[in-house]
C-alpha atoms as a PDB file:
ATOM      1  CA  MET A   1       0.051   0.061  -0.451  1.00  0.00           C
ATOM      2  CA  ASN A   2       2.856   2.538   0.571  1.00  0.00           C
ATOM      3  CA  LYS A   3       3.696   2.104  -3.199  1.00  0.00           C
ATOM      4  CA  ASN A   4       0.431   3.729  -3.957  1.00  0.00           C
ATOM      5  CA  ALA A   5       1.202   6.948  -1.901  1.00  0.00           C
ATOM      6  CA  PHE A   6       4.446   6.835  -3.352  1.00  0.00           C
ATOM      7  CA  LEU A   7       2.981   7.031  -6.807  1.00  0.00           C
ATOM      8  CA  LEU A   8       0.815   9.701  -6.191  1.00  0.00           C
ATOM      9  CA  CYS A   9       3.690  11.735  -4.270  1.00  0.00           C
ATOM     10  CA  MET A  10       5.695  11.449  -7.406  1.00  0.00           C
ATOM     11  CA  LEU A  11       2.560  12.454 -10.190  1.00  0.00           C
ATOM     12  CA  LEU A  12       1.971  15.732  -7.462  1.00  0.00           C
ATOM     13  CA  SER A  13       5.618  16.619  -7.448  1.00  0.00           C
ATOM     14  CA  LEU A  14       5.832  16.858 -11.307  1.00  0.00           C
ATOM     15  CA  THR A  15       3.563  19.577 -11.227  1.00  0.00           C
ATOM     16  CA  ALA A  16       6.621  21.822  -9.554  1.00  0.00           C
ATOM     17  CA  CYS A  17       8.283  21.323 -12.799  1.00  0.00           C
ATOM     18  CA  LEU A  18       5.633  23.032 -15.076  1.00  0.00           C
ATOM     19  CA  PRO A  19       4.849  26.682 -15.183  1.00  0.00           C
ATOM     20  CA  LEU A  20       1.745  27.649 -13.778  1.00  0.00           C
ATOM     21  CA  THR A  21      -0.024  29.519 -16.339  1.00  0.00           C
ATOM     22  CA  GLY A  22      -3.565  29.578 -17.593  1.00  0.00           C
ATOM     23  CA  GLN A  23      -5.134  26.341 -17.266  1.00  0.00           C
ATOM     24  CA  THR A  24      -1.836  24.100 -17.091  1.00  0.00           C
ATOM     25  CA  VAL A  25      -2.612  22.010 -14.272  1.00  0.00           C
ATOM     26  CA  ALA A  26      -5.509  20.931 -12.118  1.00  0.00           C
ATOM     27  CA  VAL A  27      -5.918  18.398  -8.964  1.00  0.00           C
ATOM     28  CA  LYS A  28      -9.213  16.418  -8.397  1.00  0.00           C
ATOM     29  CA  SER A  29     -10.785  14.195  -6.314  1.00  0.00           C
ATOM     30  CA  ASN A  30     -13.564  11.453  -7.526  1.00  0.00           C
ATOM     31  CA  LEU A  31     -16.643  12.233  -5.176  1.00  0.00           C
ATOM     32  CA  LEU A  32     -18.608   9.228  -5.614  1.00  0.00           C
ATOM     33  CA  SER A  33     -15.372   7.130  -4.514  1.00  0.00           C
ATOM     34  CA  ALA A  34     -14.484   9.836  -1.428  1.00  0.00           C
ATOM     35  CA  VAL A  35     -18.290   8.760  -0.135  1.00  0.00           C
ATOM     36  CA  GLN A  36     -17.581   5.332   0.121  1.00  0.00           C
ATOM     37  CA  GLY A  37     -14.203   6.096   1.670  1.00  0.00           C
ATOM     38  CA  THR A  38     -11.638   5.674  -0.300  1.00  0.00           C
ATOM     39  CA  LEU A  39      -9.107   8.135  -0.407  1.00  0.00           C
ATOM     40  CA  ASN A  40      -8.401   9.452  -4.258  1.00  0.00           C
ATOM     41  CA  ALA A  41      -6.549  12.282  -6.217  1.00  0.00           C
ATOM     42  CA  GLY A  42      -5.647  13.406  -9.419  1.00  0.00           C
ATOM     43  CA  VAL A  43      -3.339  15.358 -11.135  1.00  0.00           C
ATOM     44  CA  GLU A  44      -4.071  16.623 -15.337  1.00  0.00           C
ATOM     45  CA  LEU A  45      -1.577  18.106 -16.971  1.00  0.00           C
ATOM     46  CA  SER A  46      -1.555  20.258 -20.426  1.00  0.00           C
ATOM     47  CA  LEU A  47      -0.004  18.777 -23.318  1.00  0.00           C
ATOM     48  CA  GLY A  48      -1.313  21.015 -25.824  1.00  0.00           C
ATOM     49  CA  GLN A  49      -4.585  23.244 -26.885  1.00  0.00           C
ATOM     50  CA  ARG A  50      -6.779  20.223 -26.793  1.00  0.00           C
ATOM     51  CA  THR A  51      -4.309  17.311 -24.687  1.00  0.00           C
ATOM     52  CA  THR A  52      -4.119  16.542 -21.087  1.00  0.00           C
ATOM     53  CA  LEU A  53      -2.272  13.773 -18.941  1.00  0.00           C
ATOM     54  CA  GLU A  54      -3.892  12.535 -16.067  1.00  0.00           C
ATOM     55  CA  GLY A  55      -2.377  10.379 -13.105  1.00  0.00           C
ATOM     56  CA  TYR A  56      -5.097   9.317 -10.980  1.00  0.00           C
ATOM     57  CA  GLY A  57      -4.790   6.920  -7.818  1.00  0.00           C
ATOM     58  CA  SER A  58      -7.014   5.924  -4.836  1.00  0.00           C
ATOM     59  CA  LEU A  59      -6.558   4.226  -1.734  1.00  0.00           C
ATOM     60  CA  ARG A  60      -8.822   2.070   0.326  1.00  0.00           C
ATOM     61  CA  PRO A  61      -6.940   1.239   3.586  1.00  0.00           C
ATOM     62  CA  TRP A  62      -8.840  -0.270   5.826  1.00  0.00           C
ATOM     63  CA  GLU A  63     -11.918  -2.146   6.214  1.00  0.00           C
ATOM     64  CA  ARG A  64     -15.820  -0.965   6.748  1.00  0.00           C
ATOM     65  CA  LYS A  65     -17.403  -3.772   8.935  1.00  0.00           C
ATOM     66  CA  VAL A  66     -16.234  -6.310  10.922  1.00  0.00           C
ATOM     67  CA  ASP A  67     -17.718  -9.518   8.070  1.00  0.00           C
ATOM     68  CA  ALA A  68     -16.330  -7.882   5.070  1.00  0.00           C
ATOM     69  CA  VAL A  69     -12.643  -6.802   4.036  1.00  0.00           C
ATOM     70  CA  HIS A  70     -12.577  -4.144   1.219  1.00  0.00           C
ATOM     71  CA  LYS A  71      -8.638  -2.898   0.840  1.00  0.00           C
ATOM     72  CA  TYR A  72      -7.124  -1.707  -2.496  1.00  0.00           C
ATOM     73  CA  TRP A  73      -4.910   0.341  -4.145  1.00  0.00           C
ATOM     74  CA  LEU A  74      -5.244   1.671  -7.717  1.00  0.00           C
ATOM     75  CA  VAL A  75      -3.069   3.948  -9.981  1.00  0.00           C
ATOM     76  CA  GLN A  76      -4.111   5.047 -13.535  1.00  0.00           C
ATOM     77  CA  SER A  77      -2.936   7.105 -16.455  1.00  0.00           C
ATOM     78  CA  GLU A  78      -5.115   8.538 -19.267  1.00  0.00           C
ATOM     79  CA  LEU A  79      -4.627  10.369 -22.292  1.00  0.00           C
ATOM     80  CA  ARG A  80      -7.315  12.810 -23.140  1.00  0.00           C
ATOM     81  CA  HIS A  81      -8.434  14.705 -25.916  1.00  0.00           C
ATOM     82  CA  TRP A  82     -10.751  17.822 -25.879  1.00  0.00           C
ATOM     83  CA  MET A  83     -13.440  18.522 -28.183  1.00  0.00           C
ATOM     84  CA  CYS A  84     -13.230  22.176 -27.871  1.00  0.00           C
ATOM     85  CA  GLN A  85     -10.510  23.610 -25.283  1.00  0.00           C
ATOM     86  CA  LYS A  86      -9.020  21.747 -22.599  1.00  0.00           C
ATOM     87  CA  PHE A  87     -10.583  21.554 -19.021  1.00  0.00           C
ATOM     88  CA  ASN A  88     -13.921  22.930 -20.825  1.00  0.00           C
ATOM     89  CA  GLY A  89     -16.874  20.489 -22.347  1.00  0.00           C
ATOM     90  CA  THR A  90     -16.533  17.246 -24.016  1.00  0.00           C
ATOM     91  CA  PHE A  91     -13.311  14.899 -24.004  1.00  0.00           C
ATOM     92  CA  ILE A  92     -12.821  11.200 -24.833  1.00  0.00           C
ATOM     93  CA  GLY A  93      -9.282   9.456 -23.428  1.00  0.00           C
ATOM     94  CA  GLY A  94      -7.936   6.388 -23.270  1.00  0.00           C
ATOM     95  CA  PHE A  95      -6.542   4.963 -20.141  1.00  0.00           C
ATOM     96  CA  VAL A  96      -4.671   1.893 -18.366  1.00  0.00           C
ATOM     97  CA  ASN A  97      -4.403   0.526 -14.795  1.00  0.00           C
ATOM     98  CA  GLY A  98      -3.547  -1.336 -12.485  1.00  0.00           C
ATOM     99  CA  ALA A  99      -4.350  -2.328  -8.640  1.00  0.00           C
ATOM    100  CA  GLN A 100      -4.414  -4.127  -6.016  1.00  0.00           C
ATOM    101  CA  PHE A 101      -7.060  -5.652  -3.859  1.00  0.00           C
ATOM    102  CA  ASN A 102      -8.428  -7.969  -0.897  1.00  0.00           C
ATOM    103  CA  VAL A 103     -12.165  -8.187  -0.980  1.00  0.00           C
ATOM    104  CA  GLY A 104     -15.252  -9.954   0.287  1.00  0.00           C
ATOM    105  CA  GLY A 105     -18.454 -10.469   2.480  1.00  0.00           C
ATOM    106  CA  LYS A 106     -19.893  -6.995  -0.060  1.00  0.00           C
ATOM    107  CA  LYS A 107     -22.655  -7.342  -2.007  1.00  0.00           C
ATOM    108  CA  LEU A 108     -22.548  -5.162  -5.109  1.00  0.00           C
ATOM    109  CA  PRO A 109     -25.384  -3.317  -6.771  1.00  0.00           C
ATOM    110  CA  PHE A 110     -27.148  -4.771  -9.945  1.00  0.00           C
ATOM    111  CA  GLY A 111     -26.304  -8.581  -8.981  1.00  0.00           C
ATOM    112  CA  CYS A 112     -22.395  -8.137  -9.930  1.00  0.00           C
ATOM    113  CA  PHE A 113     -20.050 -10.949  -8.924  1.00  0.00           C
ATOM    114  CA  PRO A 114     -22.612 -12.915  -6.382  1.00  0.00           C
ATOM    115  CA  SER A 115     -19.961 -14.836  -5.345  1.00  0.00           C
ATOM    116  CA  LEU A 116     -17.858 -11.567  -3.686  1.00  0.00           C
ATOM    117  CA  LYS A 117     -20.648 -12.010  -0.644  1.00  0.00           C
ATOM    118  CA  GLU A 118     -19.446 -15.327   0.316  1.00  0.00           C
ATOM    119  CA  HIS A 119     -16.009 -15.320  -0.436  1.00  0.00           C
ATOM    120  CA  ARG A 120     -12.717 -13.045  -0.117  1.00  0.00           C
ATOM    121  CA  TYR A 121     -10.790 -12.245  -3.097  1.00  0.00           C
ATOM    122  CA  GLU A 122      -6.866 -11.453  -3.180  1.00  0.00           C
ATOM    123  CA  GLY A 123      -5.399 -10.017  -6.152  1.00  0.00           C
ATOM    124  CA  TYR A 124      -4.059  -7.796  -8.853  1.00  0.00           C
ATOM    125  CA  LEU A 125      -5.636  -6.444 -12.295  1.00  0.00           C
ATOM    126  CA  LEU A 126      -4.136  -4.483 -15.160  1.00  0.00           C
ATOM    127  CA  GLY A 127      -6.031  -3.210 -18.057  1.00  0.00           C
ATOM    128  CA  GLY A 128      -7.163  -0.132 -19.671  1.00  0.00           C
ATOM    129  CA  GLY A 129      -9.941   1.110 -21.748  1.00  0.00           C
ATOM    130  CA  MET A 130     -11.728   4.405 -23.349  1.00  0.00           C
ATOM    131  CA  THR A 131     -13.670   6.815 -21.089  1.00  0.00           C
ATOM    132  CA  PHE A 132     -15.798   9.610 -21.932  1.00  0.00           C
ATOM    133  CA  GLY A 133     -16.788  12.727 -20.139  1.00  0.00           C
ATOM    134  CA  HIS A 134     -17.689  16.538 -19.718  1.00  0.00           C
ATOM    135  CA  GLN A 135     -16.343  18.926 -17.767  1.00  0.00           C
ATOM    136  CA  LEU A 136     -18.264  22.160 -16.675  1.00  0.00           C
ATOM    137  CA  ILE A 137     -17.090  25.363 -15.148  1.00  0.00           C
ATOM    138  CA  LEU A 138     -18.244  26.367 -11.633  1.00  0.00           C
ATOM    139  CA  GLY A 139     -16.102  29.533 -11.629  1.00  0.00           C
ATOM    140  CA  THR A 140     -12.631  31.008 -12.130  1.00  0.00           C
ATOM    141  CA  HIS A 141     -10.629  27.700 -11.146  1.00  0.00           C
ATOM    142  CA  TRP A 142     -13.374  25.523  -9.969  1.00  0.00           C
ATOM    143  CA  ASN A 143     -14.400  22.788 -12.516  1.00  0.00           C
ATOM    144  CA  VAL A 144     -16.540  19.611 -11.766  1.00  0.00           C
ATOM    145  CA  GLU A 145     -15.996  16.823 -14.232  1.00  0.00           C
ATOM    146  CA  LEU A 146     -18.771  13.331 -15.114  1.00  0.00           C
ATOM    147  CA  SER A 147     -17.186  10.667 -16.729  1.00  0.00           C
ATOM    148  CA  LEU A 148     -17.775   6.570 -17.528  1.00  0.00           C
ATOM    149  CA  SER A 149     -15.065   4.361 -18.240  1.00  0.00           C
ATOM    150  CA  ALA A 150     -15.399   0.964 -20.052  1.00  0.00           C
ATOM    151  CA  GLY A 151     -12.326  -1.076 -20.703  1.00  0.00           C
ATOM    152  CA  TYR A 152     -11.097  -4.541 -20.364  1.00  0.00           C
ATOM    153  CA  GLU A 153      -9.444  -5.978 -17.005  1.00  0.00           C
ATOM    154  CA  PHE A 154      -6.927  -8.834 -16.567  1.00  0.00           C
ATOM    155  CA  ILE A 155      -7.793 -10.214 -13.329  1.00  0.00           C
ATOM    156  CA  HIS A 156      -5.798 -12.558 -11.477  1.00  0.00           C
ATOM    157  CA  TYR A 157      -7.272 -13.618  -8.076  1.00  0.00           C
ATOM    158  CA  LYS A 158      -7.006 -16.105  -5.051  1.00  0.00           C
ATOM    159  CA  ARG A 159     -10.273 -16.880  -3.907  1.00  0.00           C
ATOM    160  CA  TYR A 160     -10.834 -17.890   0.205  1.00  0.00           C
ATOM    161  CA  ARG A 161     -14.122 -20.292   1.362  1.00  0.00           C
ATOM    162  CA  CYS A 162     -15.135 -16.844   3.558  1.00  0.00           C
ATOM    163  CA  PRO A 163     -14.717 -13.786   4.032  1.00  0.00           C
ATOM    164  CA  ALA A 164     -12.786 -13.602   6.822  1.00  0.00           C
ATOM    165  CA  GLU A 165      -9.044 -12.842   6.484  1.00  0.00           C
ATOM    166  CA  CYS A 166      -7.941 -16.070   8.129  1.00  0.00           C
ATOM    167  CA  ALA A 167      -9.703 -18.410   5.781  1.00  0.00           C
ATOM    168  CA  ARG A 168      -8.656 -21.437   3.604  1.00  0.00           C
ATOM    169  CA  LEU A 169      -7.760 -20.878   0.384  1.00  0.00           C
ATOM    170  CA  ASP A 170     -10.149 -22.338  -2.090  1.00  0.00           C
ATOM    171  CA  LYS A 171      -9.281 -21.415  -5.747  1.00  0.00           C
ATOM    172  CA  GLU A 172      -6.373 -19.533  -7.477  1.00  0.00           C
ATOM    173  CA  ASP A 173      -7.596 -18.439 -11.049  1.00  0.00           C
ATOM    174  CA  HIS A 174      -7.807 -15.421 -13.650  1.00  0.00           C
ATOM    175  CA  TYR A 175     -10.692 -13.357 -15.133  1.00  0.00           C
ATOM    176  CA  HIS A 176     -10.857 -11.504 -18.289  1.00  0.00           C
ATOM    177  CA  TYR A 177     -13.230  -8.876 -17.357  1.00  0.00           C
ATOM    178  CA  VAL A 178     -14.667  -6.677 -20.351  1.00  0.00           C
ATOM    179  CA  GLY A 179     -17.363  -3.839 -19.565  1.00  0.00           C
ATOM    180  CA  PRO A 180     -17.309  -0.871 -17.480  1.00  0.00           C
ATOM    181  CA  THR A 181     -14.658   0.050 -14.833  1.00  0.00           C
ATOM    182  CA  LYS A 182     -15.403   3.517 -13.246  1.00  0.00           C
ATOM    183  CA  ALA A 183     -17.760   6.325 -12.485  1.00  0.00           C
ATOM    184  CA  SER A 184     -16.906   9.265 -11.353  1.00  0.00           C
ATOM    185  CA  VAL A 185     -18.082  12.640 -10.516  1.00  0.00           C
ATOM    186  CA  SER A 186     -15.080  14.875  -9.726  1.00  0.00           C
ATOM    187  CA  LEU A 187     -14.299  18.306  -8.146  1.00  0.00           C
ATOM    188  CA  ILE A 188     -11.598  19.913  -9.893  1.00  0.00           C
ATOM    189  CA  TYR A 189      -9.223  22.457  -9.216  1.00  0.00           C
ATOM    190  CA  VAL A 190      -7.437  24.692 -12.083  1.00  0.00           C
ATOM    191  CA  PHE A 191      -4.542  25.996 -11.983  1.00  0.00           C
END
């Protein structure tokens, strides 16, 4: 888990090397993740008039309740093309990501991964995909962003018989996931 904090600090330190002129750097947080108790932050850097590069990280180092485990870290990098101008309006992006997780005893919405309620999964994922989003200007420095991402994730996992940390190993395998990967409502400060 310390690797993620280190990577996030490295991304943030990159901003010190850039001149802070109008619409060069933005920092953000996904409010949907924050409401669920996940620490997250992103830095988006201007590469041109209609191109930006985002680095994003999230970390959930604690458990939510006694009978469930929900710990993970994730890092993601995304190249974005803006239809009009950077940090304003509609964009499309391509991303790559990686994560490490330890989750179990949790019921997901829409019947996704139903065995997660009865088992604990520990492992990692690597993947990528596409994002479609829109930023609205709220004020001189503040924006809000709505975005949806979908793509492919290679997931390697170990499944344990029950959600408890001391459960016995039941299965080790991998899974190829294709579908939605992220929804975000982010609050953004643009330098």
